[in-house]
Each structure stands twice: as structure tokens, then as C-alpha cells.
């Protein structure tokens, strides 16, 4: 075989392999096993995964940020409870 024919057959084999992998991915997506091309994951799941990865890689910083956000939610005054206490007697 000539080198050009060998390279062409290798390229066509690579294209066929990639096409078969794509078809297998679409099949697995139809069965609900993975997200491939047609279906996108919901934002909540992606956000949860990102937050968990951030906890792993930046454990001290991520924990501090999460605790600060939770504290801010707990300490937020109710909008209908009136003006905050000014401290004057």
C-alpha cells in the first residue's frame, strides 16, 4: 500500500470510530444514563456539582463563603417588622 492510501484509510477509520462513539452517546442519552448532545442538565444540578467541587479544592474558603451566606440569610430582618432598633433610649 502507498502511504497516501494508508493515511486515507486511517483517517476514515478515525472518522468511523468517532461517529460510532457519537451514536453510542446518543443511545445512552436516550436511555437517561448520560447527558450527551440533545439534553442539557438542569442548572441546579450543575450548580450543586460545582459547589461540591469548590468545597473539595478550596475547602477553607468555600466553607467560609457558605457560612457567611447562611448567616446573612438568618440575620436578615423581616421587611414588615418595622424600623431597626437605633439604640437610643
Protein backbone atom coordinates (compact mmCIF):
# COMPACT_ATOMS: atom_id res chain seq x y z
CA UNK A 1 0.00 0.00 0.00
CA UNK A 2 1.07 3.52 -0.64
CA UNK A 3 1.48 5.94 2.26
CA UNK A 4 -1.35 8.13 0.95
CA UNK A 5 -3.76 5.19 0.86
CA UNK A 6 -2.70 4.13 4.35
CA UNK A 7 -3.21 7.65 5.73
CA UNK A 8 -6.61 7.94 4.00
CA UNK A 9 -7.79 4.62 5.43
CA UNK A 10 -6.54 5.59 8.90
CA UNK A 11 -8.40 8.91 8.67
CA UNK A 12 -11.60 7.22 7.52
CA UNK A 13 -11.24 4.68 10.33
CA UNK A 14 -10.88 7.51 12.83
CA UNK A 15 -13.99 9.24 11.45
CA UNK A 16 -15.96 5.98 11.65
CA UNK A 17 -14.82 5.44 15.25
CA UNK A 18 -15.83 8.97 16.26
CA UNK A 19 -19.22 8.57 14.55
CA UNK A 20 -19.83 5.25 16.33
CA UNK A 21 -18.89 6.82 19.69
CA UNK A 22 -21.32 9.66 19.00
CA UNK A 23 -24.11 7.21 18.16
CA UNK A 24 -23.37 5.27 21.36
CA UNK A 25 -23.50 8.52 23.33
CA UNK A 26 -26.87 9.44 21.81
CA UNK A 27 -28.20 5.96 22.60
CA UNK A 28 -27.05 6.24 26.23
CA UNK A 29 -28.62 9.70 26.43
CA UNK A 30 -31.98 8.36 25.21
CA UNK A 31 -31.85 5.78 28.00
CA UNK A 32 -31.20 8.57 30.53
CA UNK A 33 -27.74 7.40 31.54
CA UNK A 34 -25.75 10.47 30.44
CA UNK A 35 -26.12 13.98 29.02
CA UNK A 36 -24.58 13.99 25.56
CA UNK A 37 -25.76 16.45 22.89
CA UNK A 38 -29.54 16.75 22.85
CA UNK A 39 -30.43 17.09 26.54
CA UNK A 40 -28.84 19.61 28.88
CA UNK A 41 -28.65 19.10 32.64
CA UNK A 42 -30.67 21.40 34.85
CA UNK A 43 -28.85 24.40 36.31
CA UNK A 44 -29.49 23.31 39.88
CA UNK A 45 -27.65 20.02 39.47
CA UNK A 46 -24.73 21.69 37.75
CA UNK A 47 -24.56 24.34 40.45
CA UNK A 48 -24.59 21.69 43.17
CA UNK A 49 -21.76 19.78 41.49
CA UNK A 50 -19.74 22.96 41.07
CA UNK A 51 -20.25 23.87 44.71
CA UNK A 52 -19.14 20.41 45.84
CA UNK A 53 -16.01 20.62 43.67
CA UNK A 54 -15.29 24.05 45.09
CA UNK A 55 -15.60 22.59 48.61
CA UNK A 56 -13.02 19.97 47.73
CA UNK A 57 -10.45 22.24 46.08
CA UNK A 58 -10.89 25.36 48.20
CA UNK A 59 -12.17 23.83 51.41
CA UNK A 60 -11.41 26.70 53.80
CA UNK A 61 -12.53 29.48 51.50
CA UNK A 62 -15.69 27.72 50.27
CA UNK A 63 -16.79 26.84 53.79
CA UNK A 64 -16.31 30.43 54.92
CA UNK A 65 -18.34 31.80 51.98
CA UNK A 66 -21.15 29.29 52.50
CA UNK A 67 -21.34 30.02 56.23
CA UNK A 68 -21.36 33.78 55.58
CA UNK A 69 -24.23 33.45 53.10
CA UNK A 70 -26.21 31.27 55.52
CA UNK A 71 -25.60 33.72 58.39
CA UNK A 72 -26.74 36.63 56.23
CA UNK A 73 -29.96 34.81 55.41
CA UNK A 74 -30.61 34.02 59.08
CA UNK A 75 -29.89 37.55 60.29
CA UNK A 76 -31.82 39.40 57.59
CA UNK A 77 -34.66 41.38 59.20
CA UNK A 78 -38.23 40.82 58.09
CA UNK A 79 -39.36 43.60 55.75
CA UNK A 80 -42.64 44.09 57.65
CA UNK A 81 -41.19 44.13 61.16
CA UNK A 82 -40.65 47.91 61.29
CA UNK A 83 -37.50 50.02 61.53
CA UNK A 84 -34.40 48.50 63.11
CA UNK A 85 -33.58 49.42 66.71
CA UNK A 86 -31.42 52.56 66.67
CA UNK A 87 -30.01 52.01 70.14
CA UNK A 88 -31.25 55.36 71.56
CA UNK A 89 -33.16 55.33 74.86
